[in-house]
Structure formats: C-alpha cells, structure tokens
Amino acid sequence: MTKMQISQENQAGELSSAKPSKTLWCAGPIKGPTNRSGGSRADIHLQARDSAAIWAKTQARGDAAPSRLRRHGTGIGARARQVPPLQEILLRSLRRRYRRFRFLLFVHPGRPRRRAQRDPTCALNMERLLEARISSAVGLRHSLGLPSADTNAYRLINSEGDRLSGLIVDIFADVAVIASSAAWVEKYRQEIQFLVSKVNGVSHIKWRPSTDILKEEGLDISEHKEPASTCSTVKVMENGIVYLVSLEGQKTGFYADQRENRYIISLLSKDQRVLDLCCYSGGFALNAAKGGADNVIGIDSSGSALDLANENIVLNELNQGKVSFVKGDATTFMKGAISENELWDLVILDPPKLAPRKKVLQSASGMYRSLNALAMQVVKPGGLLMTCSCSGAMTQSGMFLKTIQGAASMAGRKVTVLRQAGAACDHPIDPAYPEGQYLSNYLLRVA
C-alpha cells in the first residue's frame, strides 16, 4: 500500500485515541517545500492554521486525535518532522523581518544587542542611544588617528557602518556636514545636531537632506528651506594638502573616501606626466603635483569644480606651469589625445556614479568598459592606470574587474592588477550590510 493510499484511508476516518503533545497533525500530504527549503511562508501559515482547525473540530465532537496521518514534511517520502505551533511560526516570520530591517530599528545583532538588554534605559531612550553610537563613532576615528595635524577632513559617521542607517556626518575643519537620508534622522534632527556640535573642534553645522530619498519614505521636505549658511566654503587639509571645499558641492562637498588612494598617487608621481580625468576639485592632480610630477593635467566638465581646483593650486603654492585644469568632456578629451598620439605615464580615471541601480548595471558596464578602454590607450606602455567606480551596484556585483578586462581587449592592451582598494578606513562597513561597500579602486600596469 502506498503512502498516498494510507493518507487517503486516514482521511476517510481512521482515528486513534492518542493525543499529540506538541505536534500539530496535517490531514493529507503537504504540497511543495517548506519555508526552510524555499517554500512560501503563507503555505506554512495556512497548513498550521488548518491543522489547528482539524484538531479543534475533533475536540468539539469528542473525537480522538487523527492517527497515522502524515506528519508535516517536505513532500512525499520526505523525512517526517513536527510542525511548530502557529504562534511560533508567526514569531519566526517576525524575527526574519526584524533581522532584515534591523538597521531601520537601530538595533544591531550580537554584542550591541546584549548591551541594550543589560541597559534597558539605552534601548528605550532614543537620545541616549544616539549619544552612545555617536560617541562610539568618535572613538573609532580617534583610534584611526583622525583628525590629525595634517588631516582635518574625514567621515565621522558612515550610516550602517556606524549603526546609524541613513545618517552621514563629514567633518571639514570646524564644520560638520550632516547628510540625512532617512525619516528618523529628520525626526531627531535637533538631538543629532546637539550631539554632533559637542564633538571636539566642531563650531558650525551644515544640514543636507536627501530630498528624493526622503520622499520615497513618505516625507516630502521639498518646500522646506534650510536656513542660510554663514559660510559657503571652508578650507581643509588632507595629508598636508590644502583644499577649498564647497558646502554646496557634490555629496557633502568633498570625497574623503579617496584619501588613501590619493596618497598612493603622491608616492607614484615623481618625474611623471599625470592625467587626472573627472578630477572634480583636483584631489588626485594636487597629490601628483605635491609628489613631484613633471606635468599634471586635470579634466572635468564642471566649471564650478574647476574653480575650486584652480583655487587649490594657489592655496598650495604650486607651480602653475606644471599643473593645470581644463574644462571638457573626458571622453572627448581622450579621443583627441589618441588621435594626436599623446600619452601619459600615470592616468587616473574616477568617473561619477554610472550605475545608481542594479537595473541599469548592464548599460553602465558598457560605459565603464568604453571609458577604461580609452584611458588605457592614453597610457604609455608600461605606465600606470588608477581606475575607480563609485557605483555600489557595480562593486557589489563583482563585475568591475571583468569590465576592466573587457576594456583591455577593446584597447588591445594587457593589464596587470597591482593594487585593489576601496574607501578609506573612516568609512567602515558592517558585514551584515554588504550594500555599504560601494567604491572600487584598481591600480593597473598597462602593457
């Protein structure tokens, strides 16, 4: 007799007097896999509900519990196992959702969670929670040597990396730029500003909300006008180089995430001809000039960014005959250089985010490939190319290196990876939130 026949006989009414203690019984085979094996949570919910209903009906009639009915399994022939009670199933579902959205709840798994249990006032008091986590972020930066005598531009709070999802704080000398991209950050704006203002050296605060992201959360602040700032620019220092930062510029005004990569360029530039593509305010170009490069050219399409770059030449007392900035499209410039057979010893390519979402990753890969193929063609044989991607979708997909390989084939060049890096150490990443990893930086030898 097959198991299906046994199940059908059981459904016909064969009963036993044994009452299950913790096991819910299913009247008939359950179709499809369980949730652990990839099935639907709704199926398990219905199965448990139906099982409970069958048990209730038999008790109301005074019948005994169904006997020899198939226990809940993963299909015909599957290993029998007990079905957890309905309440436990619902709790498990809630736990899964909690783990998925724990950053929105400001709760971190593991050790921080145990601390919250030992200190209930911290778990229930939002102000105290903010104070603890901002203090922890400050302590981490101090352990990294930030700020220092030659660097006062750094990231103080890096969203999920510091267990404060949607909150970014960059310190530029005595100015703290707070970037808000979550409704809870806007709700606790006064508390956050107060705590950040207590950080040693901070005298001014600039609040920069991400209007589009907040609108997705149901918070429309497009009509809300921020109070006029007392200053629009601030002078900062990074690795001994002075920069003029616009507090109205891109992102928070300055890309502190490339600090360590810029320093590498200063070590490689002595007596070299250097080309900095998509240079913004000249970060890589200035490091190359400080490192002793013979000639440095920076290219960017933004006139306001190049105004900052030219100011930075003056601030650092650099030889304007050796470093210059040109307004133009990077692609057009490289094509013109190729046609004139102009080559550089060291090329930096740091384009803007080309893949803001996964659904455009394929088309963005083509753009990255074309840009890198052109960049490789303006590098001298045996020269160096530092290429970057700040697109999280590209970095997390692992496709960037394959895209570089494709670019090398297009350009008819051969590349060797000398160094692979990401954002600077003041941009921590929580392993439970890999989406926080967005910057890819490769140093290549181009043959």
Protein backbone atom coordinates (compact mmCIF):
# COMPACT_ATOMS: atom_id res chain seq x y z
CA MET A 1 0.00 0.00 0.00
CA THR A 2 1.41 3.39 -0.97
CA LYS A 3 1.82 6.34 1.39
CA MET A 4 -0.83 8.23 -0.58
CA GLN A 5 -3.32 5.39 -0.03
CA ILE A 6 -2.54 5.38 3.66
CA SER A 7 -3.15 9.11 3.75
CA GLN A 8 -6.49 8.67 1.92
CA GLU A 9 -7.56 5.95 4.35
CA ASN A 10 -6.68 8.21 7.24
CA GLN A 11 -8.75 10.98 5.73
CA ALA A 12 -11.67 8.50 5.47
CA GLY A 13 -11.85 8.45 9.23
CA GLU A 14 -9.44 6.01 10.88
CA LEU A 15 -8.74 7.54 14.27
CA SER A 16 -6.59 6.86 17.27
CA SER A 17 -7.07 7.84 20.87
CA ALA A 18 -3.53 9.15 21.31
CA LYS A 19 -3.42 12.92 21.77
CA PRO A 20 -0.34 14.70 20.42
CA SER A 21 1.51 16.84 22.93
CA LYS A 22 3.41 19.39 20.86
CA THR A 23 2.80 18.12 17.36
CA LEU A 24 0.20 19.57 15.01
CA TRP A 25 -1.06 16.99 12.53
CA CYS A 26 -1.79 17.59 8.85
CA ALA A 27 -4.71 15.84 7.19
CA GLY A 28 -3.03 14.73 3.99
CA PRO A 29 0.21 15.34 2.17
CA ILE A 30 1.50 18.91 2.09
CA LYS A 31 2.38 20.07 -1.38
CA GLY A 32 5.58 21.95 -2.03
CA PRO A 33 8.62 22.55 0.10
CA THR A 34 8.70 24.15 3.50
CA ASN A 35 9.96 27.67 4.03
CA ARG A 36 13.40 26.41 5.09
CA SER A 37 13.68 24.65 1.74
CA GLY A 38 12.47 27.59 -0.28
CA GLY A 39 8.66 27.35 0.03
CA SER A 40 6.10 30.01 0.86
CA ARG A 41 5.61 31.36 4.35
CA ALA A 42 1.93 31.73 3.52
CA ASP A 43 1.70 27.97 2.80
CA ILE A 44 3.14 27.11 6.20
CA HIS A 45 0.82 29.59 7.85
CA LEU A 46 -2.24 28.02 6.18
CA GLN A 47 -1.05 24.48 6.91
CA ALA A 48 -0.65 25.23 10.60
CA ARG A 49 -4.00 27.03 10.72
CA ASP A 50 -5.81 24.13 9.01
CA SER A 51 -4.12 21.63 11.30
CA ALA A 52 -5.25 23.58 14.34
CA ALA A 53 -8.79 23.77 12.91
CA ILE A 54 -8.91 19.98 12.42
CA TRP A 55 -7.79 19.43 15.98
CA ALA A 56 -10.39 21.89 17.31
CA LYS A 57 -13.20 20.16 15.38
CA THR A 58 -12.25 16.70 16.66
CA GLN A 59 -12.21 18.02 20.22
CA ALA A 60 -15.61 19.68 19.77
CA ARG A 61 -17.10 16.37 18.55
CA GLY A 62 -15.43 14.48 21.32
CA ASP A 63 -13.31 12.52 18.82
CA ALA A 64 -9.80 11.38 19.39
CA ALA A 65 -6.81 12.82 17.61
CA PRO A 66 -6.22 11.72 13.99
CA SER A 67 -3.84 8.80 13.91
CA ARG A 68 -1.34 7.64 11.33
CA LEU A 69 -1.89 10.83 9.38
CA ARG A 70 1.20 12.11 7.62
CA ARG A 71 3.27 14.47 9.69
CA HIS A 72 4.31 17.73 8.13
CA GLY A 73 7.16 17.11 5.69
CA THR A 74 8.68 18.48 2.50
CA GLY A 75 6.76 16.25 0.13
CA ILE A 76 6.03 12.56 -0.46
CA GLY A 77 8.79 10.48 1.01
CA ALA A 78 10.25 13.35 2.95
CA ARG A 79 11.58 12.84 6.45
CA ALA A 80 8.76 13.38 8.92
CA ARG A 81 9.11 16.24 11.35
CA GLN A 82 6.98 18.14 13.80
CA VAL A 83 5.07 21.27 12.84
CA PRO A 84 5.69 24.17 15.22
CA PRO A 85 2.62 25.84 16.71
CA LEU A 86 1.08 28.71 14.78
CA GLN A 87 2.31 31.30 17.28
CA GLU A 88 5.89 30.09 16.86
CA ILE A 89 5.61 30.27 13.06
CA LEU A 90 4.42 33.87 13.27
CA LEU A 91 7.21 34.75 15.69
CA ARG A 92 9.79 33.24 13.35
CA SER A 93 8.41 35.33 10.49
CA LEU A 94 8.65 38.47 12.60
CA ARG A 95 12.22 37.60 13.60
CA ARG A 96 13.20 37.20 9.95
CA ARG A 97 11.72 40.59 9.11
CA TYR A 98 13.42 42.10 12.17
CA ARG A 99 16.81 40.80 11.03
CA ARG A 100 16.20 42.17 7.56
CA PHE A 101 15.24 45.67 8.70
CA ARG A 102 17.23 45.88 11.92
CA PHE A 103 19.08 48.97 10.70
CA LEU A 104 15.80 50.85 10.45
CA LEU A 105 15.09 49.82 14.03
CA PHE A 106 18.54 50.99 15.12
CA VAL A 107 19.28 47.57 16.63
CA HIS A 108 22.43 45.69 15.79
CA PRO A 109 22.80 41.92 16.22
CA GLY A 110 25.29 40.33 18.56
CA ARG A 111 27.19 42.25 21.20
CA PRO A 112 25.43 45.64 20.91
CA ARG A 113 22.10 43.90 21.35
CA ARG A 114 23.27 42.21 24.56
CA ARG A 115 24.41 45.58 25.84
CA ALA A 116 20.94 47.00 25.19
CA GLN A 117 19.46 44.14 27.24
CA ARG A 118 21.80 44.92 30.14
CA ASP A 119 20.96 48.62 29.91
CA PRO A 120 17.19 48.91 29.22
CA THR A 121 17.24 52.71 29.53
CA CYS A 122 19.53 52.90 26.49
CA ALA A 123 17.22 50.68 24.44
CA LEU A 124 14.15 52.75 25.28
CA ASN A 125 15.74 56.20 25.24
CA MET A 126 16.46 57.43 21.72
CA GLU A 127 18.60 60.33 22.89
CA ARG A 128 20.76 58.02 24.96
CA LEU A 129 21.07 55.56 22.05
CA LEU A 130 22.20 58.34 19.71
CA GLU A 131 24.69 59.60 22.27
CA ALA A 132 26.18 56.10 22.70
CA ARG A 133 26.57 55.42 19.00
CA ILE A 134 27.91 58.85 18.06
CA SER A 135 30.38 58.59 20.93
CA SER A 136 31.43 55.17 19.62
CA ALA A 137 31.96 56.64 16.14
CA VAL A 138 34.11 59.45 17.56
CA GLY A 139 36.19 56.94 19.49
CA LEU A 140 36.75 54.84 16.38
CA ARG A 141 38.06 57.84 14.42
CA HIS A 142 40.37 58.80 17.25
CA SER A 143 41.80 55.28 17.22
CA LEU A 144 42.44 55.75 13.47
CA GLY A 145 44.33 58.97 14.13
CA LEU A 146 41.59 61.31 12.89
CA PRO A 147 41.72 64.23 13.00
CA SER A 148 45.48 64.76 12.88
CA ALA A 149 48.00 67.53 12.37
CA ASP A 150 47.90 67.08 8.56
CA THR A 151 44.29 65.83 8.08
CA ASN A 152 41.12 67.50 9.35
CA ALA A 153 38.72 66.30 6.64
CA TYR A 154 37.21 62.90 7.41
CA ARG A 155 33.97 60.95 7.84
CA LEU A 156 32.70 60.86 11.40
CA ILE A 157 29.55 58.74 10.87
CA ASN A 158 29.12 56.33 7.98
CA SER A 159 25.47 55.28 8.10
CA GLU A 160 25.09 51.50 8.59
CA GLY A 161 28.82 51.16 9.21
CA ASP A 162 28.32 53.06 12.47
CA ARG A 163 24.89 51.52 13.15
CA LEU A 164 23.03 54.73 12.28
CA SER A 165 21.37 53.94 8.96
CA GLY A 166 20.56 57.00 6.87
CA LEU A 167 22.93 59.31 8.74
CA ILE A 168 26.25 60.53 7.34
CA VAL A 169 28.44 63.14 9.00
CA ASP A 170 31.59 64.54 7.37
CA ILE A 171 33.92 66.83 9.30
CA PHE A 172 35.65 69.62 7.36
CA ALA A 173 37.88 71.55 9.77
CA ASP A 174 35.39 73.14 12.19
CA VAL A 175 32.30 72.41 10.04
CA ALA A 176 30.20 69.25 10.35
CA VAL A 177 28.13 68.45 7.25
CA ILE A 178 25.21 66.18 8.14
CA ALA A 179 23.60 64.29 5.25
CA SER A 180 20.15 62.93 6.07
CA SER A 181 18.52 60.17 4.01
CA ALA A 182 16.04 58.63 6.48
CA ALA A 183 12.84 59.88 8.08
CA TRP A 184 14.04 59.01 11.58
CA VAL A 185 17.08 61.27 11.09
CA GLU A 186 14.78 64.20 10.27
CA LYS A 187 12.64 63.39 13.30
CA TYR A 188 15.63 63.53 15.65
CA ARG A 189 17.37 66.36 13.86
CA GLN A 190 17.75 68.60 16.93
CA GLU A 191 19.18 65.79 19.05
CA ILE A 192 21.67 64.81 16.33
CA GLN A 193 22.78 68.40 15.78
CA PHE A 194 23.28 68.89 19.51
CA LEU A 195 25.39 65.73 19.88
CA VAL A 196 27.49 66.47 16.79
CA SER A 197 28.09 70.05 17.97
CA LYS A 198 29.66 68.60 21.14
CA VAL A 199 32.39 66.85 19.09
CA ASN A 200 35.72 68.48 19.78
CA GLY A 201 36.57 71.13 17.18
CA VAL A 202 33.08 71.44 15.61
CA SER A 203 31.80 75.03 15.57
CA HIS A 204 29.35 75.01 12.64
CA ILE A 205 26.82 72.53 11.30
CA LYS A 206 25.50 72.24 7.75
CA TRP A 207 22.37 70.08 7.31
CA ARG A 208 21.93 68.50 3.85
CA PRO A 209 18.81 66.33 3.46
CA SER A 210 18.43 63.94 0.52
CA THR A 211 15.06 65.16 -0.69
CA ASP A 212 14.41 62.39 -3.22
CA ILE A 213 15.23 59.54 -0.84
CA LEU A 214 13.17 61.07 1.95
CA LYS A 215 10.25 61.43 -0.42
CA GLU A 216 10.38 57.67 -1.04
CA GLU A 217 9.93 57.22 2.71
CA GLY A 218 6.84 59.41 2.61
CA LEU A 219 8.50 62.58 3.89
CA ASP A 220 8.24 65.49 1.48
CA ILE A 221 10.55 68.34 2.51
CA SER A 222 10.95 69.86 -0.94
CA GLU A 223 9.25 73.08 0.17
CA HIS A 224 11.24 73.30 3.39
CA LYS A 225 14.07 75.78 3.06
CA GLU A 226 17.24 75.33 5.08
CA PRO A 227 18.43 78.44 6.94
CA ALA A 228 21.09 80.40 5.13
CA SER A 229 24.59 79.22 5.98
CA THR A 230 27.10 81.68 7.37
CA CYS A 231 29.78 80.28 5.04
CA SER A 232 29.62 78.53 1.67
CA THR A 233 33.23 77.30 1.58
CA VAL A 234 35.75 76.03 4.10
CA LYS A 235 39.49 75.30 3.93
CA VAL A 236 40.53 71.80 4.94
CA MET A 237 43.73 69.81 4.98
CA GLU A 238 44.27 66.21 3.86
CA ASN A 239 47.68 64.57 4.02
CA GLY A 240 49.26 68.03 4.18
CA ILE A 241 47.44 69.35 1.08
CA VAL A 242 45.01 72.26 1.45
CA TYR A 243 41.62 72.15 -0.29
CA LEU A 244 38.84 74.66 -0.62
CA VAL A 245 35.59 72.74 -0.06
CA SER A 246 32.22 74.00 -1.27
CA LEU A 247 29.49 73.18 1.26
CA GLU A 248 27.01 73.34 -1.63
CA GLY A 249 29.03 70.98 -3.83
CA GLN A 250 28.51 67.34 -4.74
CA LYS A 251 27.52 64.94 -1.94
CA THR A 252 28.75 66.57 1.26
CA GLY A 253 31.24 68.75 -0.65
CA PHE A 254 34.38 66.62 -0.62
CA TYR A 255 35.21 62.97 -1.34
CA ALA A 256 37.05 61.89 1.80
CA ASP A 257 36.63 58.24 0.78
CA GLN A 258 39.52 58.53 -1.72
CA ARG A 259 42.02 59.92 0.80
CA GLU A 260 44.25 56.83 0.97
CA ASN A 261 44.09 56.31 -2.80
CA ARG A 262 45.11 59.93 -3.41
CA TYR A 263 48.09 59.46 -1.12
CA ILE A 264 49.21 56.46 -3.21
CA ILE A 265 49.23 58.73 -6.28
CA SER A 266 51.55 61.19 -4.50
CA LEU A 267 54.04 58.33 -3.97
CA LEU A 268 53.98 57.26 -7.63
CA SER A 269 54.12 60.62 -9.40
CA LYS A 270 57.74 61.78 -9.13
CA ASP A 271 59.05 62.87 -12.55
CA GLN A 272 55.88 61.55 -14.26
CA ARG A 273 53.39 63.05 -16.69
CA VAL A 274 49.99 62.67 -15.00
CA LEU A 275 46.44 62.91 -16.36
CA ASP A 276 43.53 63.22 -13.89
CA LEU A 277 40.19 62.51 -15.60
CA CYS A 278 36.92 63.60 -13.94
CA CYS A 279 39.11 65.45 -11.44
CA TYR A 280 36.38 67.46 -9.60
CA SER A 281 38.32 69.86 -7.31
CA GLY A 282 41.67 68.31 -8.22
CA GLY A 283 42.28 65.80 -5.44
CA PHE A 284 44.42 63.32 -7.39
CA ALA A 285 46.05 66.04 -9.50
CA LEU A 286 47.17 68.03 -6.45
CA ASN A 287 48.64 64.91 -4.86
CA ALA A 288 50.53 64.18 -8.07
CA ALA A 289 51.90 67.73 -8.15
CA LYS A 290 52.93 67.53 -4.49
CA GLY A 291 54.59 64.19 -5.24
CA GLY A 292 56.94 65.81 -7.76
CA ALA A 293 55.24 65.17 -11.11
CA ASP A 294 56.76 66.90 -14.13
CA ASN A 295 53.38 67.84 -15.56
CA VAL A 296 49.77 67.36 -14.37
CA ILE A 297 46.53 67.99 -16.28
CA GLY A 298 43.07 67.69 -14.71
CA ILE A 299 39.90 67.34 -16.82
CA ASP A 300 36.33 67.93 -15.63
CA SER A 301 33.07 69.10 -17.17
CA SER A 302 32.04 71.20 -14.15
CA GLY A 303 33.14 74.80 -14.23
CA SER A 304 32.41 75.35 -10.51
CA ALA A 305 34.52 72.31 -9.59
CA LEU A 306 37.43 73.60 -11.67
CA ASP A 307 37.15 76.99 -9.97
CA LEU A 308 37.84 75.18 -6.69
CA ALA A 309 40.69 73.24 -8.32
CA ASN A 310 42.39 76.41 -9.52
CA GLU A 311 41.96 77.97 -6.08
CA ASN A 312 43.65 74.89 -4.64
CA ILE A 313 46.71 75.44 -6.86
CA VAL A 314 47.15 78.86 -5.28
CA LEU A 315 46.47 77.65 -1.74
CA ASN A 316 49.22 75.03 -2.05
CA GLU A 317 51.64 77.40 -3.79
CA LEU A 318 52.12 75.02 -6.70
CA ASN A 319 53.87 75.86 -9.95
CA GLN A 320 51.03 76.78 -12.32
CA GLY A 321 53.28 75.91 -15.24
CA LYS A 322 53.32 72.27 -14.09
CA VAL A 323 49.69 71.76 -13.03
CA SER A 324 46.60 72.96 -14.89
CA PHE A 325 42.90 72.18 -15.18
CA VAL A 326 40.83 72.08 -18.37
CA LYS A 327 37.06 72.15 -18.70
CA GLY A 328 35.80 69.46 -21.04
CA ASP A 329 34.28 66.04 -21.51
CA ALA A 330 36.65 63.23 -20.52
CA THR A 331 35.64 61.02 -23.45
CA THR A 332 36.14 63.79 -25.99
CA PHE A 333 39.49 64.73 -24.47
CA MET A 334 40.79 61.14 -24.58
CA LYS A 335 39.70 60.64 -28.18
CA GLY A 336 41.50 63.81 -29.16
CA ALA A 337 44.64 62.72 -27.31
CA ILE A 338 44.55 59.32 -29.03
CA SER A 339 44.27 60.96 -32.43
CA GLU A 340 47.36 63.05 -31.62
CA ASN A 341 49.19 60.05 -30.12
CA GLU A 342 49.57 61.85 -26.79
CA LEU A 343 50.45 59.57 -23.86
CA TRP A 344 50.89 59.87 -20.08
CA ASP A 345 52.91 57.89 -17.54
CA LEU A 346 50.10 57.84 -14.97
CA VAL A 347 46.38 58.21 -15.63
CA ILE A 348 43.59 58.46 -13.04
CA LEU A 349 40.01 57.76 -14.09
CA ASP A 350 37.38 58.49 -11.42
CA PRO A 351 34.03 58.96 -13.21
CA PRO A 352 30.74 59.80 -11.48
CA LYS A 353 28.30 57.06 -10.48
CA LEU A 354 27.17 55.37 -13.70
CA ALA A 355 25.11 52.55 -12.15
CA PRO A 356 22.90 54.03 -9.42
CA ARG A 357 20.62 50.96 -9.59
CA LYS A 358 21.02 47.30 -10.46
CA LYS A 359 18.58 47.50 -13.37
CA VAL A 360 20.96 49.81 -15.27
CA LEU A 361 24.04 47.76 -14.45
CA GLN A 362 24.29 46.22 -17.91
CA SER A 363 24.28 49.53 -19.75
CA ALA A 364 26.60 51.06 -17.13
CA SER A 365 29.07 48.21 -17.68
CA GLY A 366 29.29 49.22 -21.33
CA MET A 367 30.03 52.83 -20.38
CA TYR A 368 32.70 51.78 -17.87
CA ARG A 369 34.25 49.49 -20.48
CA SER A 370 34.39 52.24 -23.11
CA LEU A 371 35.86 54.80 -20.71
CA ASN A 372 38.53 52.42 -19.46
CA ALA A 373 39.42 51.32 -23.00
CA LEU A 374 40.05 54.96 -23.94
CA ALA A 375 42.03 55.56 -20.73
CA MET A 376 44.27 52.57 -21.44
CA GLN A 377 45.04 53.92 -24.89
CA VAL A 378 46.46 57.17 -23.46
CA VAL A 379 48.77 55.34 -21.03
CA LYS A 380 52.35 54.76 -22.12
CA PRO A 381 53.31 51.08 -22.50
CA GLY A 382 54.38 50.04 -19.02
CA GLY A 383 52.60 53.02 -17.46
CA LEU A 384 50.01 53.04 -14.69
CA LEU A 385 46.23 53.48 -14.65
CA MET A 386 44.22 54.00 -11.46
CA THR A 387 40.58 53.38 -12.33
CA CYS A 388 37.62 53.76 -10.00
CA SER A 389 33.92 53.01 -9.71
CA CYS A 390 31.74 54.59 -7.03
CA SER A 391 28.65 52.65 -8.17
CA GLY A 392 27.56 50.30 -5.41
CA ALA A 393 25.70 48.10 -7.88
CA MET A 394 28.91 47.60 -9.90
CA THR A 395 31.13 46.95 -6.87
CA GLN A 396 28.72 44.51 -5.23
CA SER A 397 28.15 42.60 -8.48
CA GLY A 398 31.87 41.81 -8.75
CA MET A 399 31.75 42.79 -12.43
CA PHE A 400 34.16 45.72 -12.34
CA LEU A 401 37.34 43.68 -12.82
CA LYS A 402 35.71 41.74 -15.68
CA THR A 403 34.70 45.08 -17.19
CA ILE A 404 38.34 46.20 -16.97
CA GLN A 405 39.43 43.00 -18.70
CA GLY A 406 36.92 43.69 -21.47
CA ALA A 407 38.26 47.23 -21.79
CA ALA A 408 41.81 45.90 -22.16
CA SER A 409 40.66 43.65 -25.01
CA MET A 410 38.94 46.59 -26.71
CA ALA A 411 42.07 48.72 -26.38
CA GLY A 412 44.42 45.95 -27.48
CA ARG A 413 46.37 46.29 -24.23
CA LYS A 414 47.31 43.91 -21.43
CA VAL A 415 46.77 44.90 -17.80
CA THR A 416 48.13 43.63 -14.50
CA VAL A 417 46.47 44.40 -11.16
CA LEU A 418 48.97 45.97 -8.74
CA ARG A 419 46.58 47.10 -6.03
CA GLN A 420 42.91 46.74 -5.17
CA ALA A 421 41.26 49.07 -2.64
CA GLY A 422 38.02 50.70 -1.58
CA ALA A 423 37.01 53.60 0.62
CA ALA A 424 39.28 54.96 3.36
CA CYS A 425 39.23 53.38 6.81
CA ASP A 426 36.94 56.07 8.24
CA HIS A 427 34.18 54.58 6.05
CA PRO A 428 33.55 51.33 7.99
CA ILE A 429 31.29 48.61 6.61
CA ASP A 430 29.08 46.29 8.63
CA PRO A 431 29.42 42.71 7.26
CA ALA A 432 25.68 42.29 7.81
CA TYR A 433 25.11 45.15 5.34
CA PRO A 434 27.37 44.47 2.32
CA GLU A 435 25.47 47.10 0.34
CA GLY A 436 27.58 49.62 2.22
CA GLN A 437 30.54 48.65 0.04
CA TYR A 438 30.36 50.94 -2.98
CA LEU A 439 33.85 52.14 -4.01
CA SER A 440 36.22 50.08 -6.19
CA ASN A 441 39.74 51.26 -6.90
CA TYR A 442 42.26 49.35 -9.04
CA LEU A 443 45.84 50.30 -9.78
CA LEU A 444 46.89 48.68 -13.05
CA ARG A 445 50.04 48.35 -15.07
CA VAL A 446 49.18 48.77 -18.74
CA ALA A 447 51.44 46.99 -21.22
